[in-house]
Amino acid sequence: MSYCWKCGAKLKEESKFCHVCGASVAKVVKEEFSVSADNLIEKVKELLHEGNVTRIIVKDEKGKVLLEIPATIGVIGVVLAPWLAALGAIAALATNCKIVVERKE
């Protein structure tokens, strides 16, 4: 399932345009990082500041999704605070995490 880079709406795989905002659908490339719980928050902050990230997904060691952060929300600092608090709670519970990063080409 892909998401609109502009508004974050869920898109069908064959969509060429977002049905909510009308933005053209860009090709998305996924990267996966393994990080320890100690470095989780710093890595997510670093990824959000890169600018070309559309979505960040945090998974535990077994591959269960713990948190999804749409980058449209991550751009706004005030809205980012609750996400970082949730990441802090995840870091306290998990030992190792996987971060899946979706970027638009």
Protein backbone atom coordinates (compact mmCIF):
# COMPACT_ATOMS: atom_id res chain seq x y z
CA MET A 1 0.00 0.00 0.00
CA SER A 2 1.38 3.39 -0.94
CA TYR A 3 0.53 6.82 0.40
CA CYS A 4 0.28 10.26 -1.15
CA TRP A 5 3.46 12.28 -0.63
CA LYS A 6 1.45 15.49 -0.25
CA CYS A 7 -1.55 14.65 1.96
CA GLY A 8 -0.77 11.15 3.28
CA ALA A 9 -3.93 9.50 1.90
CA LYS A 10 -3.82 5.76 1.14
CA LEU A 11 -3.56 5.09 -2.59
CA LYS A 12 -4.39 2.12 -4.75
CA GLU A 13 -1.36 0.52 -6.40
CA GLU A 14 -2.44 1.48 -9.93
CA SER A 15 -3.19 5.13 -9.05
CA LYS A 16 -1.44 7.85 -11.02
CA PHE A 17 -3.01 10.70 -9.02
CA CYS A 18 -4.18 11.08 -5.42
CA HIS A 19 -7.97 10.87 -5.13
CA VAL A 20 -7.94 13.36 -2.21
CA CYS A 21 -5.61 16.20 -3.25
CA GLY A 22 -4.92 15.44 -6.93
CA ALA A 23 -1.12 15.27 -6.58
CA SER A 24 0.70 13.01 -9.02
CA VAL A 25 1.91 9.76 -7.54
CA ALA A 26 5.69 9.45 -7.47
CA LYS A 27 7.59 6.17 -7.44
CA VAL A 28 8.50 5.20 -3.87
CA VAL A 29 11.76 3.53 -2.87
CA LYS A 30 12.00 1.70 0.46
CA GLU A 31 15.11 1.43 2.63
CA GLU A 32 15.44 -0.54 5.85
CA PHE A 33 17.76 0.22 8.78
CA SER A 34 18.42 -1.79 11.93
CA VAL A 35 19.07 0.35 14.98
CA SER A 36 19.34 -0.19 18.70
CA ALA A 37 16.72 1.33 20.97
CA ASP A 38 19.30 3.84 22.22
CA ASN A 39 19.76 5.34 18.74
CA LEU A 40 16.12 5.13 17.59
CA ILE A 41 15.04 8.71 18.26
CA GLU A 42 18.24 10.24 16.86
CA LYS A 43 17.98 8.20 13.65
CA VAL A 44 14.31 9.14 13.11
CA LYS A 45 15.09 12.84 13.66
CA GLU A 46 17.96 12.58 11.18
CA LEU A 47 15.72 10.93 8.58
CA LEU A 48 12.96 13.53 8.98
CA HIS A 49 15.43 16.37 8.44
CA GLU A 50 16.61 14.87 5.12
CA GLY A 51 13.44 16.15 3.46
CA ASN A 52 12.81 13.53 0.76
CA VAL A 53 11.26 11.01 3.18
CA THR A 54 7.53 10.38 2.73
CA ARG A 55 6.92 7.83 5.52
CA ILE A 56 8.85 6.23 8.38
CA ILE A 57 7.75 2.89 9.80
CA VAL A 58 9.24 1.55 13.05
CA LYS A 59 9.10 -2.24 13.52
CA ASP A 60 10.24 -4.54 16.31
CA GLU A 61 12.63 -7.50 15.89
CA LYS A 62 9.78 -9.76 14.74
CA GLY A 63 8.60 -7.33 12.05
CA LYS A 64 5.51 -6.07 13.90
CA VAL A 65 4.73 -2.43 13.08
CA LEU A 66 5.04 -0.29 16.22
CA LEU A 67 4.68 3.20 14.74
CA GLU A 68 4.10 4.85 11.36
CA ILE A 69 5.05 8.48 10.86
CA PRO A 70 3.88 10.25 7.70
CA ALA A 71 6.48 12.85 6.70
CA THR A 72 3.79 15.44 6.02
CA ILE A 73 3.26 15.47 9.79
CA GLY A 74 6.96 15.16 10.57
CA VAL A 75 7.75 18.43 8.83
CA ILE A 76 5.84 20.43 11.46
CA GLY A 77 7.84 20.60 14.69
CA VAL A 78 4.90 21.10 17.07
CA VAL A 79 3.13 18.03 15.73
CA LEU A 80 6.36 16.04 15.88
CA ALA A 81 6.52 16.11 19.70
CA PRO A 82 3.89 13.38 20.31
CA TRP A 83 5.59 11.13 17.75
CA LEU A 84 8.92 11.52 19.57
CA ALA A 85 7.24 10.75 22.90
CA ALA A 86 5.84 7.56 21.36
CA LEU A 87 9.30 6.71 20.03
CA GLY A 88 10.70 7.16 23.54
CA ALA A 89 8.19 4.66 24.89
CA ILE A 90 9.03 2.21 22.10
CA ALA A 91 12.74 2.62 22.78
CA ALA A 92 12.16 1.80 26.45
CA LEU A 93 10.36 -1.45 25.56
CA ALA A 94 12.32 -2.73 22.56
CA THR A 95 15.98 -3.68 22.34
CA ASN A 96 16.44 -3.57 18.57
CA CYS A 97 14.21 -1.95 15.98
CA LYS A 98 13.94 -1.82 12.22
CA ILE A 99 13.19 1.47 10.52
CA VAL A 100 11.62 1.30 7.06
CA VAL A 101 11.99 4.56 5.16
CA GLU A 102 9.89 5.37 2.10
CA ARG A 103 11.38 7.99 -0.21
CA LYS A 104 10.03 9.43 -3.43
CA GLU A 105 12.25 9.32 -6.48
